[in-house]
Protein backbone atom coordinates (compact mmCIF):
# COMPACT_ATOMS: atom_id res chain seq x y z
CA MET A 1 -86.44 -58.08 21.42
CA LYS A 2 -86.15 -58.96 17.73
CA SER A 3 -82.98 -60.81 16.78
CA TYR A 4 -81.23 -60.91 13.40
CA ASP A 5 -78.26 -62.52 11.72
CA VAL A 6 -77.37 -59.15 10.16
CA ALA A 7 -78.51 -55.58 10.75
CA ILE A 8 -77.53 -52.75 8.41
CA ILE A 9 -77.56 -49.11 9.51
CA GLY A 10 -78.22 -46.95 6.45
CA SER A 11 -80.17 -47.72 3.29
CA GLY A 12 -78.12 -46.09 0.55
CA PRO A 13 -76.73 -48.12 -2.38
CA GLY A 14 -74.23 -49.85 -0.10
CA GLY A 15 -76.72 -50.60 2.67
CA TYR A 16 -79.68 -51.80 0.64
CA VAL A 17 -77.49 -53.93 -1.68
CA ALA A 18 -75.81 -55.49 1.37
CA ALA A 19 -79.26 -56.24 2.81
CA ILE A 20 -80.47 -57.88 -0.41
CA ARG A 21 -77.35 -60.00 -0.79
CA CYS A 22 -77.46 -61.08 2.87
CA ALA A 23 -81.09 -62.11 2.44
CA GLN A 24 -80.29 -63.98 -0.77
CA LEU A 25 -77.63 -65.91 1.14
CA GLY A 26 -80.17 -67.03 3.75
CA MET A 27 -79.50 -64.56 6.56
CA LYS A 28 -82.31 -63.00 8.58
CA THR A 29 -81.76 -59.34 7.78
CA ALA A 30 -82.86 -55.94 9.05
CA ILE A 31 -82.14 -52.47 7.70
CA ILE A 32 -82.43 -49.24 9.67
CA GLU A 33 -82.99 -45.88 7.98
CA LYS A 34 -83.56 -42.58 9.78
CA TYR A 35 -85.47 -41.00 6.89
CA SER A 36 -88.93 -41.96 5.65
CA THR A 37 -87.64 -43.09 2.26
CA LEU A 38 -84.96 -45.66 1.47
CA GLY A 39 -82.05 -45.14 -0.91
CA GLY A 40 -79.85 -42.71 0.97
CA THR A 41 -78.23 -39.64 -0.57
CA CYS A 42 -77.81 -41.24 -4.00
CA LEU A 43 -81.44 -41.96 -4.71
CA ASN A 44 -82.99 -39.06 -2.82
CA VAL A 45 -80.72 -36.03 -3.17
CA GLY A 46 -77.73 -37.19 -5.22
CA CYS A 47 -77.11 -39.39 -8.24
CA ILE A 48 -80.67 -40.02 -9.39
CA PRO A 49 -82.24 -36.54 -9.06
CA SER A 50 -79.18 -34.82 -10.52
CA LYS A 51 -79.25 -37.12 -13.56
CA ALA A 52 -82.95 -36.39 -14.01
CA LEU A 53 -82.24 -32.64 -14.11
CA LEU A 54 -79.22 -33.15 -16.36
CA SER A 55 -81.43 -35.08 -18.78
CA SER A 56 -84.22 -32.49 -18.74
CA SER A 57 -81.85 -29.55 -19.19
CA HIS A 58 -80.06 -31.42 -21.99
CA HIS A 59 -83.37 -31.82 -23.84
CA TYR A 60 -84.01 -28.08 -23.46
CA GLU A 61 -80.56 -27.19 -24.78
CA GLU A 62 -80.97 -29.54 -27.73
CA ALA A 63 -84.35 -27.99 -28.57
CA THR A 64 -83.13 -24.38 -28.34
CA LYS A 65 -79.69 -24.76 -29.90
CA HIS A 66 -79.47 -27.86 -32.05
CA PHE A 67 -82.88 -28.97 -33.34
CA GLU A 68 -82.71 -26.45 -36.20
CA ASP A 69 -79.46 -28.06 -37.41
CA HIS A 70 -81.38 -31.33 -37.73
CA GLY A 71 -84.18 -29.72 -39.72
CA ILE A 72 -86.56 -29.61 -36.78
CA GLU A 73 -88.41 -26.31 -36.53
CA ILE A 74 -90.52 -25.48 -33.48
CA PRO A 75 -92.83 -22.48 -33.89
CA GLY A 76 -92.99 -20.02 -31.02
CA GLU A 77 -90.72 -19.55 -28.03
CA ILE A 78 -89.41 -22.58 -26.17
CA LYS A 79 -89.74 -21.99 -22.44
CA VAL A 80 -88.56 -23.70 -19.27
CA ASN A 81 -91.17 -24.70 -16.72
CA LEU A 82 -88.81 -25.19 -13.78
CA GLU A 83 -91.60 -26.27 -11.44
CA LYS A 84 -92.59 -29.06 -13.83
CA MET A 85 -88.95 -30.03 -14.38
CA ILE A 86 -88.37 -30.29 -10.63
CA GLY A 87 -91.65 -32.21 -10.33
CA ARG A 88 -90.51 -34.75 -12.92
CA LYS A 89 -87.24 -35.12 -11.04
CA GLN A 90 -89.14 -35.87 -7.86
CA ALA A 91 -91.36 -38.39 -9.65
CA VAL A 92 -88.23 -40.23 -10.82
CA VAL A 93 -86.91 -40.22 -7.25
CA ASP A 94 -90.20 -41.48 -5.85
CA GLN A 95 -90.39 -44.29 -8.38
CA THR A 96 -86.80 -45.32 -7.67
CA THR A 97 -87.08 -45.25 -3.88
CA GLY A 98 -90.38 -47.10 -4.17
CA GLY A 99 -88.50 -49.77 -6.07
CA ILE A 100 -86.22 -50.25 -3.06
CA ASP A 101 -89.27 -50.69 -0.83
CA PHE A 102 -90.43 -53.45 -3.18
CA LEU A 103 -87.02 -55.15 -3.08
CA MET A 104 -87.02 -55.13 0.73
CA LYS A 105 -90.44 -56.82 0.80
CA LYS A 106 -89.49 -59.27 -1.95
CA ASN A 107 -86.42 -60.38 0.03
CA ASN A 108 -88.21 -60.47 3.41
CA ILE A 109 -85.99 -57.79 4.89
CA ASP A 110 -87.35 -56.00 7.97
CA VAL A 111 -87.20 -52.22 7.59
CA PHE A 112 -87.03 -49.95 10.63
CA GLU A 113 -87.52 -46.20 10.31
CA GLY A 114 -85.52 -44.32 12.90
CA LEU A 115 -82.03 -43.32 14.00
CA GLY A 116 -79.93 -46.37 14.78
CA SER A 117 -77.20 -46.20 17.42
CA PHE A 118 -75.08 -48.78 19.21
CA ILE A 119 -75.96 -49.94 22.71
CA ASP A 120 -73.06 -52.35 22.49
CA ALA A 121 -71.44 -54.50 19.78
CA THR A 122 -74.56 -56.61 19.17
CA HIS A 123 -77.46 -54.36 20.19
CA ILE A 124 -78.90 -51.34 18.37
CA LYS A 125 -81.24 -48.69 19.74
CA ILE A 126 -83.73 -47.34 17.21
CA GLU A 127 -85.17 -43.90 17.97
CA GLY A 128 -88.01 -42.55 15.86
CA LYS A 129 -91.08 -43.99 14.18
CA ASP A 130 -90.14 -47.64 14.81
CA ALA A 131 -88.51 -47.03 18.19
CA GLN A 132 -87.22 -50.22 19.82
CA ASP A 133 -84.03 -52.14 20.53
CA ILE A 134 -82.89 -54.99 18.30
CA GLU A 135 -80.12 -57.56 18.46
CA ALA A 136 -77.86 -58.70 15.60
CA LYS A 137 -74.95 -61.11 15.37
CA LYS A 138 -73.33 -59.03 12.64
CA ILE A 139 -73.80 -55.32 11.94
CA ILE A 140 -72.90 -53.32 8.84
CA ILE A 141 -72.46 -49.55 9.06
CA ALA A 142 -73.52 -47.89 5.80
CA THR A 143 -74.44 -44.37 6.86
CA GLY A 144 -72.81 -42.60 3.91
CA SER A 145 -71.68 -38.99 3.78
CA LYS A 146 -72.94 -35.41 3.83
CA PRO A 147 -71.75 -32.24 2.06
CA SER A 148 -68.57 -30.66 3.39
CA ASN A 149 -68.27 -26.95 4.05
CA LEU A 150 -65.54 -24.39 4.58
CA PRO A 151 -65.34 -23.24 8.22
CA PHE A 152 -66.04 -19.57 7.47
CA ILE A 153 -69.11 -20.16 5.28
CA THR A 154 -72.62 -20.05 6.78
CA LEU A 155 -75.00 -22.26 4.81
CA ASP A 156 -78.42 -20.64 5.07
CA LYS A 157 -79.79 -23.18 2.56
CA GLU A 158 -81.67 -20.38 0.81
CA ARG A 159 -79.05 -18.39 -1.08
CA VAL A 160 -75.90 -20.09 0.17
CA ILE A 161 -76.73 -23.69 -0.59
CA THR A 162 -75.52 -27.27 -0.93
CA SER A 163 -76.34 -29.72 -3.70
CA THR A 164 -79.47 -30.78 -1.78
CA GLU A 165 -81.05 -27.33 -2.11
CA ALA A 166 -79.76 -26.89 -5.67
CA LEU A 167 -81.91 -29.84 -6.72
CA LYS A 168 -85.14 -28.09 -5.72
CA LEU A 169 -84.77 -24.39 -6.45
CA LYS A 170 -87.95 -22.44 -7.09
CA GLU A 171 -86.32 -20.24 -9.73
CA ILE A 172 -83.48 -20.31 -12.23
CA PRO A 173 -80.60 -18.31 -10.74
CA LYS A 174 -79.54 -15.15 -12.54
CA HIS A 175 -75.94 -15.80 -11.51
CA LEU A 176 -74.96 -19.04 -9.79
CA ILE A 177 -71.55 -18.96 -8.14
CA ILE A 178 -70.15 -22.44 -7.55
CA ILE A 179 -67.36 -23.00 -5.05
CA GLY A 180 -65.57 -26.18 -6.12
CA GLY A 181 -64.80 -27.56 -9.58
CA GLY A 182 -65.49 -31.18 -8.76
CA VAL A 183 -68.13 -33.58 -10.04
CA ILE A 184 -71.18 -32.24 -8.18
CA GLY A 185 -70.49 -28.58 -8.84
CA LEU A 186 -69.85 -29.12 -12.54
CA GLU A 187 -72.94 -31.26 -13.07
CA LEU A 188 -75.28 -28.79 -11.35
CA GLY A 189 -73.48 -25.87 -12.95
CA GLN A 190 -74.19 -27.32 -16.38
CA VAL A 191 -77.86 -27.86 -15.49
CA TYR A 192 -78.43 -24.21 -14.62
CA ARG A 193 -76.19 -22.82 -17.38
CA ARG A 194 -78.33 -24.68 -19.92
CA LEU A 195 -81.44 -23.16 -18.37
CA GLY A 196 -80.07 -19.65 -18.75
CA ALA A 197 -78.17 -18.85 -15.56
CA GLU A 198 -74.83 -17.13 -15.62
CA VAL A 199 -72.39 -19.57 -13.98
CA THR A 200 -69.04 -18.92 -12.33
CA VAL A 201 -66.97 -21.83 -11.03
CA ILE A 202 -64.32 -21.00 -8.42
CA GLU A 203 -61.73 -23.75 -7.95
CA TYR A 204 -58.81 -23.72 -5.50
CA MET A 205 -56.65 -26.04 -7.62
CA ASP A 206 -55.18 -25.15 -11.01
CA ARG A 207 -57.70 -27.33 -12.86
CA ILE A 208 -61.21 -28.72 -12.52
CA LEU A 209 -61.62 -32.42 -11.70
CA PRO A 210 -58.21 -32.37 -9.99
CA THR A 211 -58.23 -36.10 -9.14
CA MET A 212 -58.79 -37.19 -12.75
CA ASP A 213 -56.35 -37.37 -15.65
CA ALA A 214 -55.20 -33.85 -16.57
CA GLY A 215 -56.21 -34.34 -20.21
CA LEU A 216 -59.85 -34.84 -19.20
CA SER A 217 -59.79 -31.74 -16.99
CA LYS A 218 -58.38 -29.62 -19.80
CA GLU A 219 -60.95 -30.84 -22.35
CA LEU A 220 -63.97 -30.36 -20.05
CA ASN A 221 -62.72 -26.92 -19.09
CA LYS A 222 -62.81 -26.02 -22.81
CA VAL A 223 -66.40 -27.27 -23.04
CA PHE A 224 -67.50 -25.13 -20.08
CA LYS A 225 -65.73 -22.05 -21.42
CA LYS A 226 -67.37 -22.59 -24.81
CA ALA A 227 -70.70 -22.56 -22.96
CA LYS A 228 -69.66 -19.17 -21.53
CA CYS A 229 -69.16 -20.40 -17.96
CA LYS A 230 -66.52 -18.41 -16.10
CA MET A 231 -63.85 -20.82 -14.86
CA MET A 232 -61.83 -19.20 -12.09
CA LEU A 233 -59.01 -21.64 -11.39
CA SER A 234 -56.29 -21.24 -8.72
CA HIS A 235 -58.63 -19.09 -6.65
CA LYS A 236 -58.80 -19.44 -2.86
CA VAL A 237 -62.17 -18.42 -1.43
CA GLN A 238 -61.80 -16.11 1.56
CA SER A 239 -65.37 -15.14 2.42
CA VAL A 240 -68.99 -15.66 1.46
CA GLU A 241 -71.55 -13.10 2.61
CA ARG A 242 -75.26 -12.78 1.92
CA ASN A 243 -76.81 -9.34 1.61
CA GLY A 244 -80.53 -9.79 1.06
CA GLU A 245 -80.93 -11.53 -2.27
CA GLU A 246 -77.28 -11.06 -3.23
CA VAL A 247 -74.33 -13.26 -2.32
CA VAL A 248 -70.81 -11.82 -2.39
CA VAL A 249 -67.85 -14.16 -2.68
CA LYS A 250 -64.29 -12.94 -2.25
CA ALA A 251 -61.36 -15.03 -3.43
CA GLU A 252 -57.62 -14.62 -3.78
CA ASN A 253 -56.15 -15.39 -7.20
CA LYS A 254 -52.68 -16.79 -7.87
CA LYS A 255 -51.26 -13.27 -8.07
CA GLY A 256 -52.39 -12.62 -4.52
CA GLU A 257 -55.13 -10.22 -5.60
CA VAL A 258 -58.56 -10.36 -3.98
CA VAL A 259 -61.33 -10.76 -6.55
CA GLU A 260 -65.03 -10.22 -5.81
CA PHE A 261 -67.95 -12.15 -7.33
CA LYS A 262 -71.62 -11.24 -6.93
CA GLY A 263 -74.54 -13.56 -7.61
CA ASP A 264 -78.00 -14.41 -6.36
CA TYR A 265 -77.08 -17.99 -5.36
CA CYS A 266 -73.87 -19.63 -4.18
CA LEU A 267 -73.51 -23.40 -4.35
CA VAL A 268 -70.88 -24.70 -1.95
CA SER A 269 -69.56 -27.90 -3.50
CA VAL A 270 -66.26 -28.70 -1.82
CA GLY A 271 -66.68 -32.43 -1.42
CA ARG A 272 -68.35 -34.69 1.12
CA LYS A 273 -67.41 -36.09 4.50
CA PRO A 274 -68.31 -39.35 6.30
CA TYR A 275 -71.54 -39.23 8.29
CA THR A 276 -71.26 -41.01 11.63
CA ALA A 277 -73.10 -38.59 13.93
CA GLY A 278 -75.38 -40.26 16.46
CA LEU A 279 -74.06 -43.81 15.93
CA ASN A 280 -72.47 -43.95 19.40
CA LEU A 281 -69.54 -45.90 17.95
CA GLU A 282 -67.65 -45.80 21.25
CA ALA A 283 -70.21 -48.08 22.88
CA ALA A 284 -69.38 -50.77 20.33
CA GLY A 285 -65.62 -50.17 20.39
CA VAL A 286 -65.52 -49.02 16.76
CA LYS A 287 -62.54 -46.78 16.02
CA MET A 288 -62.22 -43.93 13.52
CA ASN A 289 -59.16 -42.34 11.92
CA ASP A 290 -58.20 -38.66 12.01
CA ARG A 291 -60.14 -38.01 8.80
CA GLY A 292 -63.41 -38.99 10.41
CA GLN A 293 -63.56 -42.30 8.56
CA ILE A 294 -64.25 -45.64 10.21
CA ASP A 295 -61.13 -47.80 10.22
CA VAL A 296 -61.52 -51.17 8.46
CA ASN A 297 -59.21 -54.01 7.46
CA ASP A 298 -59.03 -55.80 4.10
CA HIS A 299 -62.25 -57.68 4.96
CA LEU A 300 -64.00 -54.34 5.76
CA GLN A 301 -64.14 -55.33 9.44
CA THR A 302 -63.93 -52.54 11.97
CA SER A 303 -61.93 -52.72 15.19
CA THR A 304 -64.88 -54.74 16.57
CA SER A 305 -64.79 -58.04 14.65
CA ASN A 306 -68.55 -58.56 14.17
CA ILE A 307 -69.09 -55.00 12.90
CA TYR A 308 -68.31 -54.02 9.31
CA ALA A 309 -68.38 -50.68 7.49
CA ILE A 310 -68.84 -49.86 3.82
CA GLY A 311 -69.23 -46.96 1.40
CA ASP A 312 -68.57 -43.31 2.15
CA VAL A 313 -67.86 -43.84 5.87
CA ILE A 314 -64.60 -45.68 5.05
CA LYS A 315 -61.56 -44.82 2.94
CA GLY A 316 -61.71 -44.66 -0.83
CA ALA A 317 -63.71 -42.89 -3.49
CA MET A 318 -67.20 -41.77 -2.47
CA LEU A 319 -69.07 -43.57 -5.24
CA ALA A 320 -72.41 -45.37 -5.11
CA HIS A 321 -71.12 -48.31 -7.13
CA LYS A 322 -68.08 -48.66 -4.87
CA ALA A 323 -70.46 -48.90 -1.90
CA GLU A 324 -72.54 -51.51 -3.74
CA GLU A 325 -69.49 -53.66 -4.40
CA GLU A 326 -68.52 -53.40 -0.74
CA GLY A 327 -72.03 -54.30 0.39
CA THR A 328 -71.95 -57.44 -1.72
CA PHE A 329 -68.39 -58.16 -0.56
CA VAL A 330 -69.34 -58.08 3.14
CA ALA A 331 -72.49 -60.16 2.63
CA GLU A 332 -70.55 -62.86 0.80
CA THR A 333 -67.75 -62.75 3.36
CA LEU A 334 -70.31 -63.34 6.13
CA ALA A 335 -71.57 -66.34 4.15
CA GLY A 336 -68.09 -67.85 4.10
CA GLN A 337 -67.36 -67.04 0.46
CA LYS A 338 -64.15 -65.51 -0.90
CA PRO A 339 -65.19 -62.35 -2.77
CA HIS A 340 -62.76 -59.73 -4.02
CA ILE A 341 -62.76 -56.06 -4.99
CA ASP A 342 -60.09 -54.47 -7.18
CA TYR A 343 -60.29 -50.83 -6.15
CA ASN A 344 -58.09 -49.84 -9.09
CA LEU A 345 -60.88 -50.99 -11.41
CA ILE A 346 -63.75 -48.99 -9.96
CA PRO A 347 -64.60 -46.39 -12.61
CA GLY A 348 -65.27 -42.74 -11.98
CA VAL A 349 -67.85 -40.83 -14.03
CA VAL A 350 -68.90 -37.20 -14.43
CA TYR A 351 -72.36 -36.90 -16.00
CA THR A 352 -71.88 -33.58 -17.74
CA TRP A 353 -72.23 -33.52 -21.52
CA PRO A 354 -69.89 -34.59 -22.86
CA GLU A 355 -69.61 -37.26 -20.18
CA VAL A 356 -66.28 -37.93 -18.50
CA ALA A 357 -65.22 -41.41 -17.38
CA ALA A 358 -62.03 -43.09 -16.26
CA VAL A 359 -60.65 -46.28 -14.78
CA GLY A 360 -57.18 -47.34 -13.68
CA LYS A 361 -54.07 -45.19 -13.48
CA THR A 362 -53.72 -41.62 -14.73
CA GLU A 363 -50.65 -40.41 -16.58
CA GLU A 364 -49.68 -38.40 -13.51
CA GLU A 365 -49.79 -41.53 -11.32
CA LEU A 366 -47.76 -43.60 -13.79
CA LYS A 367 -45.12 -40.89 -13.98
CA ALA A 368 -44.97 -40.63 -10.19
CA ASP A 369 -44.50 -44.42 -9.96
CA ASN A 370 -41.82 -44.39 -12.71
CA VAL A 371 -43.83 -46.81 -14.85
CA ALA A 372 -42.83 -46.91 -18.53
CA TYR A 373 -46.03 -46.52 -20.52
CA LYS A 374 -47.34 -45.67 -23.97
CA VAL A 375 -50.37 -43.61 -24.97
CA GLY A 376 -53.04 -44.15 -27.60
CA GLN A 377 -55.57 -41.37 -28.10
CA PHE A 378 -58.41 -40.95 -30.56
CA PRO A 379 -60.71 -37.92 -31.03
CA PHE A 380 -64.49 -38.30 -31.17
CA ARG A 381 -64.71 -35.85 -34.06
CA ALA A 382 -63.09 -38.52 -36.28
CA LEU A 383 -66.02 -40.91 -35.68
CA GLY A 384 -68.82 -41.17 -38.21
CA ARG A 385 -71.37 -41.72 -35.41
CA ALA A 386 -70.19 -38.62 -33.55
CA ARG A 387 -70.52 -36.45 -36.65
CA ALA A 388 -73.94 -37.93 -37.43
CA SER A 389 -75.26 -37.01 -33.98
CA GLY A 390 -73.34 -33.76 -33.62
CA ASP A 391 -71.43 -34.94 -30.53
CA ILE A 392 -67.86 -34.35 -31.67
CA ASP A 393 -66.24 -33.09 -28.45
CA GLY A 394 -63.83 -35.35 -26.59
CA PHE A 395 -61.49 -38.29 -26.97
CA VAL A 396 -60.56 -41.72 -25.64
CA LYS A 397 -57.08 -42.22 -24.21
CA ILE A 398 -55.60 -45.61 -23.40
CA LEU A 399 -52.47 -46.00 -21.29
CA ALA A 400 -50.64 -49.31 -21.70
CA ASP A 401 -47.46 -50.79 -20.24
CA LYS A 402 -44.61 -50.04 -22.64
CA THR A 403 -43.17 -53.56 -22.34
CA THR A 404 -46.15 -55.89 -21.83
CA ASP A 405 -48.87 -53.79 -23.56
CA GLU A 406 -51.24 -54.45 -20.62
CA VAL A 407 -53.85 -51.70 -20.30
CA LEU A 408 -53.12 -49.65 -17.18
CA GLY A 409 -55.68 -46.90 -17.51
CA VAL A 410 -58.46 -45.66 -19.78
CA HIS A 411 -59.63 -42.04 -19.77
CA MET A 412 -62.43 -40.72 -21.93
CA ILE A 413 -64.57 -37.67 -22.46
CA GLY A 414 -67.39 -37.68 -24.97
CA ALA A 415 -70.90 -38.87 -25.72
CA ARG A 416 -71.98 -41.99 -23.78
CA CYS A 417 -68.65 -42.37 -22.01
CA ALA A 418 -70.48 -43.27 -18.79
CA ASP A 419 -71.53 -46.46 -20.56
CA LEU A 420 -68.40 -46.93 -22.70
CA ILE A 421 -66.14 -47.09 -19.63
CA ALA A 422 -67.59 -50.54 -18.82
CA GLU A 423 -65.72 -51.93 -21.83
CA ALA A 424 -62.47 -50.67 -20.36
CA VAL A 425 -63.28 -52.09 -16.91
CA THR A 426 -64.07 -55.48 -18.46
CA ALA A 427 -60.86 -55.50 -20.49
CA MET A 428 -58.73 -54.53 -17.50
CA GLU A 429 -60.44 -57.07 -15.23
CA PHE A 430 -59.19 -59.75 -17.65
CA ARG A 431 -55.81 -57.98 -17.92
CA ALA A 432 -56.19 -57.31 -21.60
CA SER A 433 -53.50 -55.70 -23.71
CA ALA A 434 -54.14 -52.74 -25.96
CA GLU A 435 -53.71 -55.12 -28.89
CA ASP A 436 -56.45 -57.38 -27.48
CA ILE A 437 -58.91 -54.47 -27.59
CA SER A 438 -57.70 -53.36 -31.01
CA ARG A 439 -58.46 -56.80 -32.47
CA MET A 440 -62.04 -56.91 -31.14
CA SER A 441 -64.72 -56.10 -33.69
CA HIS A 442 -66.66 -52.97 -32.77
CA ALA A 443 -69.95 -52.26 -34.52
CA HIS A 444 -69.97 -49.39 -37.02
CA PRO A 445 -70.98 -46.65 -36.66
CA THR A 446 -70.78 -46.41 -32.87
CA PHE A 447 -69.11 -44.26 -30.22
CA ALA A 448 -67.41 -47.44 -28.99
CA GLU A 449 -65.21 -47.41 -32.08
CA ALA A 450 -63.23 -44.67 -30.36
CA VAL A 451 -62.07 -47.26 -27.81
CA LYS A 452 -60.85 -49.60 -30.57
CA GLU A 453 -59.11 -46.75 -32.38
CA ALA A 454 -57.39 -45.57 -29.18
CA ALA A 455 -56.20 -49.13 -28.63
CA LEU A 456 -54.87 -49.19 -32.20
CA ALA A 457 -53.11 -45.91 -31.54
CA ALA A 458 -51.47 -47.44 -28.46
CA THR A 459 -50.43 -50.46 -30.56
CA ASP A 460 -47.61 -49.16 -32.75
CA ASP A 461 -49.51 -45.92 -33.44
CA ARG A 462 -51.76 -47.50 -36.07
CA ALA A 463 -55.15 -45.85 -35.61
CA LEU A 464 -57.04 -46.13 -38.88
CA HIS A 465 -59.22 -43.03 -39.04
CA VAL A 466 -56.86 -40.18 -38.15
């Protein structure tokens, strides 16, 4: 029987990063993955493929709607070759997952293909291609999550689909109905709206992106409505039925009326849930909470001291970069180091266009906690760079403590906000004040100037360009 210092079950961003860091720190490491490719949901059917399609569809939209404004004329009709677009997406996925294979070899990490389950707290049974039992002193559970569903919906994965199937459709939907106005639904909705599909988003709450700052939700809702997406907020889905090539969705609006929607595809995007099936956690004494998450302490230890859990299977936001931080955290903890994670400073991003990004507290949270705060906000349309590129939608909002001026939250929607949010994370990690940011020189003309101007606005309301 092969023996290891650490074995990781699951090879998503949390699992493979944990494996690499453990190996870097001198531990003999193994990783177990039930699928034939490494990278988990994120690399195979999540973050990476969706961004590839978002990029391709963005290029198409630019060519059909905006190139002429820039003096670029393309003779003839511009067409979408969906098969080629999906093929490019898959090539990006293959290259990325292949990169993880290389990293495993580079770091001398043993990879086992098969379903890993606990025999006891230090032994794992692997069933599948590399079937065998292995032993490990420490074990990290990193099995991620899978799409959630509503109990009355039957997912046939043909017309009533999850995000996995939406990433490999053979045709552009005529009318795509999306249940859920969260990150995944909005991103995929924008992809297919750009390609010509009619899109209807049905959201139970009174706004899209309900966990983010309300100002961001309102602004992105405007963007989607401008793109002629139907945004049906405060609607409770009651039934989803497929009749041949048609899907009928019935929902109750806030007046109590039942409204009917008909489309050829229905994407069910109501969140994700921890994936622990087949792990046989009971054999190792690992306990879960009533939400199906694995219970961990501040060191990410489970109820069995030599077993740790990270990523989507534990509490907290289901984000690839959160899982990565936790993977590194556990590896360094096992090596006797003293790592830390500030969960308040893990940013959230929506990769629509304009992009949406946030870190820290929302206005709603500050109000609920009775924190006295001030607001500085600056619109993208006031930026020279935004006007030059034609990306004028959105704003940057900075929330700062009213007494100390410490930045408590940064919320932005606009071009390149997925990258701009890192400036806010850095500033908040060093507990910067709004004035600190306002006194930093930002290159001109850039989108980043919006961050400086928002900080100026939060500092005695002295933004320069509005």
